[in-house]
Amino acid sequence: MPVYGTRPEAIKMAPIVAALESDPRLDCTVVVTGQHRAMLDQVNEVFGITPAHDLDIFAHGQGLEAVTSRTLERLTPVLRDERPDVVVVQGDTTSAFAAGLAAFYLKIPVVHVEAGLRTATIWSPFPEEGNRRLLSHITSLHLAPTAGSRDNLLREGVDPTTVVVTGNSVIDALLSTAKVERPVVDPILAAADLDGRRVVLVTSHRRESWGEPMRSTARALARLATTEPEVVFVLPLHANPLVREIFVPALSELPNVLLTEPLGYTDFAQLTARSTLVVTDSGGVQEEAPSLGKPVLVLREDTERPEAITAGTATLIGTDEERVVNEVGKLLHDASHYAAMANAVNPYGDGRAAERSVAAIAAMLGVGERLADFAG
């Protein structure tokens, strides 16, 4: 039983759901929590997923405690009725942790997709770092995306026989989506003339960036848009009003800045492919963009995805206004620096993460054998 609730979870679970549903040894019952609503539904539609159960926990302005309690309360009776052999959760969202906890309370084994990511402190990113650390203690099968993630788990005393290195399924999803050309849905993007122009894709939404760090990013983008009039800056706005009230006043009057609504997955994938570089505080984007040869500047002080930093596909720059301006400018004007980042090897996957994940689940259930680990 895969259980997920947000857009990023849906993207990363979609290839695994497809592999589970096509495997004759296994029955797959998909449950969505609905922590994200429209964005979640859109991704399910793109990948042809029809959930068997929708917990519909979304409520405007709900806090983390509400996400946790509603997921527990609404998932528990589903688990009691269906009695799955395993529950599969992905990543580090609050609904993923709560779903794992609901399964644990009923003594149902938990499979954790994208296990083993870590930063130096439990408070960054918040609450994701805490969620994934807590999940690790109640997980029976850890599907680590990289060798580094596996090593994090082993240092924490996790039984090595319960850890499999799969690669990241976000690469599976991106590569399959990139094969199919679809018309642009977002009206602002559809109307934009991007031919022959360089595009900087920006995303920012993390809780730890709210307030002055995000205002500093907004000021930097305004300066860059002013000094680089031939470059188009595209910022899909997160739905959270705390994000919008910072970026909209700072950027909405600049002619070469496009502020869009949250983009559907195919629009976002195509925009990433069209971009020159990406500036982001998102975890998933740090994995996706290098697959398309796009340098990534990470608007954070640390990252649970250090492999991209080591490989040279990404650089941690934080949110300091001057540094953001300087680092973006360097990539726009230093061809050798750009080429070094764009041509670095992506350490996150080869498009076979779902295949390895399902093989590991089948082996756990005694109906198959594991595949060799992803080597990176």
Protein backbone atom coordinates (compact mmCIF):
# COMPACT_ATOMS: atom_id res chain seq x y z
CA MET A 1 0.00 0.00 0.00
CA PRO A 2 1.77 3.18 -1.17
CA VAL A 3 0.60 6.21 0.87
CA TYR A 4 1.48 9.76 -0.16
CA GLY A 5 0.02 13.22 -0.01
CA THR A 6 2.09 15.98 -1.62
CA ARG A 7 3.14 16.84 -5.15
CA PRO A 8 6.83 15.89 -4.64
CA GLU A 9 5.81 12.60 -3.06
CA ALA A 10 3.47 11.86 -5.95
CA ILE A 11 6.20 12.48 -8.52
CA LYS A 12 8.64 10.17 -6.77
CA MET A 13 6.07 7.49 -5.98
CA ALA A 14 4.55 7.42 -9.48
CA PRO A 15 7.25 5.22 -11.08
CA ILE A 16 7.13 2.86 -8.09
CA VAL A 17 3.34 2.65 -8.24
CA ALA A 18 3.56 1.86 -11.97
CA ALA A 19 6.14 -0.86 -11.32
CA LEU A 20 4.07 -2.34 -8.47
CA GLU A 21 0.90 -2.37 -10.56
CA SER A 22 2.65 -4.12 -13.45
CA ASP A 23 4.21 -6.80 -11.22
CA PRO A 24 2.09 -10.00 -11.23
CA ARG A 25 3.50 -11.08 -7.85
CA LEU A 26 2.07 -8.06 -6.02
CA ASP A 27 -1.25 -6.28 -5.48
CA CYS A 28 -1.06 -2.50 -5.15
CA THR A 29 -3.62 -0.34 -3.30
CA VAL A 30 -2.82 3.37 -3.55
CA VAL A 31 -3.85 5.75 -0.76
CA VAL A 32 -3.47 9.52 -0.96
CA THR A 33 -3.70 11.76 2.09
CA GLY A 34 -4.48 14.89 0.10
CA GLN A 35 -2.01 17.04 2.07
CA HIS A 36 -1.64 18.91 -1.21
CA ARG A 37 -4.85 18.98 -3.21
CA ALA A 38 -4.85 20.35 -6.75
CA MET A 39 -1.11 19.77 -7.24
CA LEU A 40 -1.38 16.19 -6.02
CA ASP A 41 -4.36 15.42 -8.25
CA GLN A 42 -2.58 16.89 -11.26
CA VAL A 43 0.45 14.63 -10.85
CA ASN A 44 -1.74 11.55 -10.39
CA GLU A 45 -3.54 12.45 -13.61
CA VAL A 46 -0.29 12.87 -15.53
CA PHE A 47 0.89 9.42 -14.47
CA GLY A 48 -2.50 7.73 -14.78
CA ILE A 49 -2.86 6.87 -11.08
CA THR A 50 -6.34 6.42 -9.59
CA PRO A 51 -6.12 6.11 -5.79
CA ALA A 52 -8.24 3.47 -4.10
CA HIS A 53 -8.62 5.70 -1.04
CA ASP A 54 -8.42 9.49 -0.62
CA LEU A 55 -8.13 10.66 3.00
CA ASP A 56 -8.72 14.28 1.93
CA ILE A 57 -6.97 15.80 4.95
CA PHE A 58 -6.32 19.19 3.31
CA ALA A 59 -7.60 22.24 5.18
CA HIS A 60 -6.56 25.87 4.64
CA GLY A 61 -4.11 27.09 7.23
CA GLN A 62 -3.76 23.75 9.01
CA GLY A 63 -0.70 23.23 11.17
CA LEU A 64 1.66 20.31 11.34
CA GLU A 65 -0.24 18.85 14.28
CA ALA A 66 -3.44 18.80 12.20
CA VAL A 67 -1.72 17.03 9.29
CA THR A 68 -0.37 14.42 11.69
CA SER A 69 -3.59 13.82 13.60
CA ARG A 70 -5.87 13.77 10.54
CA THR A 71 -3.59 11.33 8.74
CA LEU A 72 -3.52 9.00 11.74
CA GLU A 73 -7.26 9.19 12.28
CA ARG A 74 -8.26 8.69 8.64
CA LEU A 75 -5.61 6.18 7.56
CA THR A 76 -5.97 3.82 10.52
CA PRO A 77 -9.42 2.47 9.57
CA VAL A 78 -8.25 1.99 5.97
CA LEU A 79 -5.29 -0.04 7.21
CA ARG A 80 -7.56 -2.12 9.44
CA ASP A 81 -9.89 -2.85 6.53
CA GLU A 82 -7.25 -3.54 3.87
CA ARG A 83 -4.54 -5.13 6.08
CA PRO A 84 -1.70 -4.58 3.61
CA ASP A 85 1.45 -6.66 4.01
CA VAL A 86 3.55 -3.49 3.76
CA VAL A 87 2.95 0.25 3.71
CA VAL A 88 5.24 2.27 1.43
CA VAL A 89 5.93 5.93 2.27
CA GLN A 90 8.22 8.41 0.55
CA GLY A 91 10.56 11.06 1.82
CA ASP A 92 10.15 13.39 4.73
CA THR A 93 6.74 15.06 4.74
CA THR A 94 4.58 15.16 7.82
CA SER A 95 1.96 12.97 6.16
CA ALA A 96 4.67 10.42 5.26
CA PHE A 97 5.78 10.25 8.90
CA ALA A 98 2.18 10.03 10.13
CA ALA A 99 1.37 7.28 7.62
CA GLY A 100 4.41 5.32 8.76
CA LEU A 101 3.36 5.81 12.37
CA ALA A 102 -0.19 4.59 11.64
CA ALA A 103 1.25 1.42 10.07
CA PHE A 104 3.65 0.94 12.97
CA TYR A 105 0.82 1.16 15.48
CA LEU A 106 -0.87 -1.75 13.67
CA LYS A 107 2.43 -3.68 13.36
CA ILE A 108 2.44 -3.38 9.56
CA PRO A 109 6.00 -3.21 8.14
CA VAL A 110 7.00 0.16 6.68
CA VAL A 111 9.02 0.59 3.48
CA HIS A 112 10.68 4.01 3.30
CA VAL A 113 11.46 5.35 -0.18
CA GLU A 114 14.29 7.93 -0.23
CA ALA A 115 15.59 6.83 3.15
CA GLY A 116 18.77 8.02 4.81
CA LEU A 117 18.94 11.68 3.79
CA ARG A 118 20.47 13.75 6.60
CA THR A 119 21.65 17.24 7.48
CA ALA A 120 23.75 18.26 10.47
CA THR A 121 20.82 19.41 12.61
CA ILE A 122 17.31 18.12 13.23
CA TRP A 123 15.98 21.68 12.80
CA SER A 124 17.08 22.16 9.19
CA PRO A 125 15.09 21.67 7.07
CA PHE A 126 12.12 21.87 9.43
CA PRO A 127 10.13 19.69 9.91
CA GLU A 128 11.50 17.40 7.19
CA GLU A 129 14.74 16.44 8.92
CA GLY A 130 12.89 15.40 12.06
CA ASN A 131 10.30 13.47 10.05
CA ARG A 132 12.83 11.36 8.18
CA ARG A 133 14.92 10.64 11.28
CA LEU A 134 11.82 9.50 13.15
CA LEU A 135 10.69 7.38 10.19
CA SER A 136 14.00 5.53 10.14
CA HIS A 137 13.30 4.08 13.60
CA ILE A 138 10.04 2.42 12.51
CA THR A 139 11.08 1.34 9.01
CA SER A 140 11.58 -2.31 8.04
CA LEU A 141 13.02 -1.73 4.55
CA HIS A 142 15.09 1.37 3.77
CA LEU A 143 15.26 2.26 0.07
CA ALA A 144 18.22 4.65 0.05
CA PRO A 145 18.70 6.72 -3.11
CA THR A 146 22.51 6.90 -2.89
CA ALA A 147 25.45 5.24 -1.21
CA GLY A 148 25.82 8.33 0.95
CA SER A 149 22.27 7.94 2.24
CA ARG A 150 22.96 4.27 2.95
CA ASP A 151 26.07 5.20 4.90
CA ASN A 152 24.08 7.68 6.99
CA LEU A 153 21.74 4.87 8.03
CA LEU A 154 24.57 2.48 8.81
CA ARG A 155 26.26 5.08 11.02
CA GLU A 156 23.01 5.28 12.97
CA GLY A 157 23.02 1.55 13.60
CA VAL A 158 20.46 0.46 11.01
CA ASP A 159 20.73 -3.24 10.08
CA PRO A 160 22.60 -3.27 6.75
CA THR A 161 20.47 -6.17 5.49
CA THR A 162 17.45 -3.84 5.54
CA VAL A 163 19.07 -1.16 3.33
CA VAL A 164 19.00 -1.15 -0.48
CA VAL A 165 20.55 1.55 -2.69
CA THR A 166 18.06 2.16 -5.50
CA GLY A 167 18.87 5.52 -7.07
CA ASN A 168 16.20 8.20 -6.85
CA SER A 169 12.85 7.55 -8.51
CA VAL A 170 12.51 11.25 -9.34
CA ILE A 171 14.94 10.55 -12.18
CA ASP A 172 12.70 7.73 -13.43
CA ALA A 173 9.75 10.12 -13.45
CA LEU A 174 11.65 12.93 -15.15
CA LEU A 175 13.14 10.76 -17.88
CA SER A 176 9.78 9.16 -18.71
CA THR A 177 8.05 12.56 -18.79
CA ALA A 178 10.75 14.16 -20.92
CA LYS A 179 10.10 11.59 -23.66
CA VAL A 180 6.59 12.93 -24.25
CA GLU A 181 6.13 16.45 -25.63
CA ARG A 182 3.01 18.13 -24.27
CA PRO A 183 1.55 21.61 -24.83
CA VAL A 184 2.23 24.19 -22.11
CA VAL A 185 -0.76 24.53 -19.79
CA ASP A 186 0.16 27.58 -17.70
CA PRO A 187 -1.20 30.68 -19.51
CA ILE A 188 1.68 32.95 -18.51
CA LEU A 189 4.29 30.48 -19.74
CA ALA A 190 2.29 29.73 -22.88
CA ALA A 191 2.16 33.44 -23.77
CA ALA A 192 5.82 34.14 -22.99
CA ASP A 193 8.32 34.60 -25.78
CA LEU A 194 11.38 32.74 -24.55
CA ASP A 195 12.95 32.03 -27.94
CA GLY A 196 16.61 32.94 -27.96
CA ARG A 197 16.57 34.18 -24.36
CA ARG A 198 18.30 32.72 -21.36
CA VAL A 199 15.97 31.61 -18.58
CA VAL A 200 16.67 31.44 -14.86
CA LEU A 201 14.18 29.20 -13.04
CA VAL A 202 13.66 30.10 -9.37
CA THR A 203 11.75 28.25 -6.66
CA SER A 204 11.61 29.20 -2.99
CA HIS A 205 9.21 27.98 -0.32
CA ARG A 206 11.07 26.41 2.64
CA ARG A 207 9.86 27.30 6.12
CA GLU A 208 13.38 28.20 7.24
CA SER A 209 13.50 30.75 4.39
CA TRP A 210 10.34 32.58 5.48
CA GLY A 211 10.88 36.18 6.55
CA GLU A 212 14.18 37.97 6.05
CA PRO A 213 16.02 35.15 4.20
CA MET A 214 13.28 35.11 1.56
CA ARG A 215 13.16 38.91 1.41
CA SER A 216 16.91 38.88 0.79
CA THR A 217 16.40 36.44 -2.09
CA ALA A 218 13.66 38.65 -3.52
CA ARG A 219 15.91 41.73 -3.39
CA ALA A 220 18.67 39.80 -5.16
CA LEU A 221 16.31 38.67 -7.92
CA ALA A 222 15.04 42.22 -8.40
CA ARG A 223 18.62 43.48 -8.80
CA LEU A 224 19.48 40.68 -11.22
CA ALA A 225 16.38 41.26 -13.33
CA THR A 226 17.26 44.95 -13.53
CA THR A 227 20.91 44.45 -14.48
CA GLU A 228 20.21 41.47 -16.80
CA PRO A 229 17.29 42.74 -18.92
CA GLU A 230 17.79 40.11 -21.64
CA VAL A 231 17.47 37.25 -19.15
CA VAL A 232 14.00 35.98 -18.20
CA PHE A 233 13.49 35.02 -14.56
CA VAL A 234 10.62 32.59 -13.99
CA LEU A 235 9.30 32.08 -10.47
CA PRO A 236 6.40 29.65 -9.96
CA LEU A 237 4.84 30.98 -6.76
CA HIS A 238 4.12 28.62 -3.92
CA ALA A 239 0.52 28.75 -2.77
CA ASN A 240 1.49 29.83 0.75
CA PRO A 241 0.56 33.52 1.27
CA LEU A 242 3.70 34.06 3.36
CA VAL A 243 5.73 33.33 0.24
CA ARG A 244 3.59 35.40 -2.10
CA GLU A 245 3.54 38.51 0.07
CA ILE A 246 7.33 38.67 -0.24
CA PHE A 247 7.90 37.92 -3.92
CA VAL A 248 4.92 39.59 -5.55
CA PRO A 249 5.61 43.18 -4.36
CA ALA A 250 9.32 42.84 -5.06
CA LEU A 251 9.11 41.38 -8.56
CA SER A 252 5.71 41.84 -10.16
CA GLU A 253 6.54 45.14 -11.92
CA LEU A 254 9.71 43.90 -13.59
CA PRO A 255 9.10 43.11 -17.30
CA ASN A 256 11.53 40.20 -17.49
CA VAL A 257 10.16 38.39 -14.42
CA LEU A 258 7.36 35.88 -14.87
CA LEU A 259 5.42 35.06 -11.71
CA THR A 260 3.24 32.02 -12.35
CA GLU A 261 0.90 29.88 -10.32
CA PRO A 262 2.34 26.53 -9.15
CA LEU A 263 3.17 24.67 -12.34
CA GLY A 264 1.92 21.25 -13.29
CA TYR A 265 4.57 18.58 -13.44
CA THR A 266 4.92 18.49 -17.21
CA ASP A 267 5.10 22.29 -17.45
CA PHE A 268 7.75 22.35 -14.74
CA ALA A 269 9.78 19.56 -16.33
CA GLN A 270 9.73 21.30 -19.71
CA LEU A 271 10.62 24.65 -18.13
CA THR A 272 13.55 23.05 -16.32
CA ALA A 273 14.77 21.59 -19.60
CA ARG A 274 14.41 25.01 -21.25
CA SER A 275 16.21 26.88 -18.45
CA THR A 276 19.80 28.02 -18.39
CA LEU A 277 20.20 27.50 -14.66
CA VAL A 278 18.10 26.85 -11.57
CA VAL A 279 18.02 28.71 -8.26
CA THR A 280 16.11 26.79 -5.60
CA ASP A 281 15.63 25.75 -2.00
CA SER A 282 13.74 22.61 -3.07
CA GLY A 283 15.17 19.17 -2.45
CA GLY A 284 13.68 17.45 -5.48
CA VAL A 285 14.79 20.14 -7.90
CA GLN A 286 18.39 19.62 -6.74
CA GLU A 287 18.06 16.08 -8.08
CA GLU A 288 16.06 16.78 -11.24
CA ALA A 289 17.94 19.70 -12.77
CA PRO A 290 21.36 17.97 -13.02
CA SER A 291 19.70 15.17 -15.02
CA LEU A 292 18.97 17.78 -17.65
CA GLY A 293 22.42 19.38 -17.47
CA LYS A 294 21.30 22.45 -15.53
CA PRO A 295 23.56 24.03 -12.86
CA VAL A 296 21.79 24.44 -9.51
CA LEU A 297 22.32 27.20 -6.96
CA VAL A 298 20.85 26.09 -3.63
CA LEU A 299 19.26 28.79 -1.47
CA ARG A 300 20.16 27.01 1.76
CA GLU A 301 23.00 26.87 4.25
CA ASP A 302 23.11 23.06 4.23
CA THR A 303 21.58 20.23 2.26
CA GLU A 304 20.62 16.61 2.83
CA ARG A 305 21.69 16.01 -0.78
CA PRO A 306 25.47 16.58 -0.61
CA GLU A 307 26.16 14.29 -3.58
CA ALA A 308 25.33 17.10 -6.02
CA ILE A 309 27.69 19.47 -4.21
CA THR A 310 30.48 16.89 -4.33
CA ALA A 311 29.81 16.10 -7.99
CA GLY A 312 29.87 19.80 -8.88
CA THR A 313 26.33 19.99 -10.28
CA ALA A 314 25.12 22.22 -7.42
CA THR A 315 26.48 24.94 -5.14
CA LEU A 316 25.19 25.97 -1.71
CA ILE A 317 24.82 29.75 -1.70
CA GLY A 318 22.37 30.54 1.12
CA THR A 319 20.09 33.56 0.85
CA ASP A 320 22.50 36.46 1.33
CA GLU A 321 21.56 39.11 -1.25
CA GLU A 322 25.09 39.84 -2.44
CA ARG A 323 26.01 36.19 -2.76
CA VAL A 324 22.89 35.32 -4.74
CA VAL A 325 23.59 38.20 -7.13
CA ASN A 326 27.24 37.22 -7.53
CA GLU A 327 26.67 33.48 -8.00
CA VAL A 328 23.90 33.90 -10.58
CA GLY A 329 25.98 36.51 -12.40
CA LYS A 330 28.97 34.19 -12.47
CA LEU A 331 26.97 31.42 -14.14
CA LEU A 332 25.47 33.86 -16.63
CA HIS A 333 28.82 35.37 -17.66
CA ASP A 334 31.59 32.82 -16.97
CA ALA A 335 31.31 30.20 -19.69
CA SER A 336 33.93 27.85 -18.25
CA HIS A 337 32.30 27.91 -14.80
CA TYR A 338 28.93 27.20 -16.37
CA ALA A 339 30.27 24.34 -18.48
CA ALA A 340 31.92 22.69 -15.47
CA MET A 341 28.63 22.57 -13.56
CA ALA A 342 26.44 21.71 -16.55
CA ASN A 343 28.59 18.78 -17.61
CA ALA A 344 29.13 17.22 -14.18
CA VAL A 345 27.79 13.68 -13.72
CA ASN A 346 24.41 13.42 -11.98
CA PRO A 347 24.88 11.21 -8.90
CA TYR A 348 21.18 10.61 -8.21
CA GLY A 349 19.94 7.94 -10.55
CA ASP A 350 19.86 6.06 -13.84
CA GLY A 351 16.11 5.65 -14.35
CA ARG A 352 15.90 2.19 -12.73
CA ALA A 353 15.09 3.16 -9.13
CA ALA A 354 11.52 1.88 -9.32
CA GLU A 355 12.68 -1.47 -10.68
CA ARG A 356 15.17 -1.90 -7.81
CA SER A 357 12.59 -0.74 -5.25
CA VAL A 358 9.94 -3.23 -6.32
CA ALA A 359 12.50 -6.04 -6.46
CA ALA A 360 13.51 -5.22 -2.87
CA ILE A 361 9.87 -5.19 -1.74
CA ALA A 362 9.25 -8.54 -3.45
CA ALA A 363 12.33 -9.99 -1.75
CA MET A 364 11.12 -8.67 1.61
CA LEU A 365 7.80 -10.46 1.05
CA GLY A 366 9.51 -13.67 -0.02
CA VAL A 367 8.36 -13.67 -3.64
CA GLY A 368 11.48 -12.43 -5.43
CA GLU A 369 15.12 -11.39 -5.23
CA ARG A 370 16.83 -8.04 -4.93
CA LEU A 371 18.71 -6.46 -7.81
CA ALA A 372 22.24 -5.12 -7.53
CA ASP A 373 22.46 -1.76 -5.77
CA PHE A 374 22.66 1.48 -7.74
CA ALA A 375 26.37 2.31 -7.99
CA GLY A 376 26.08 6.07 -8.56
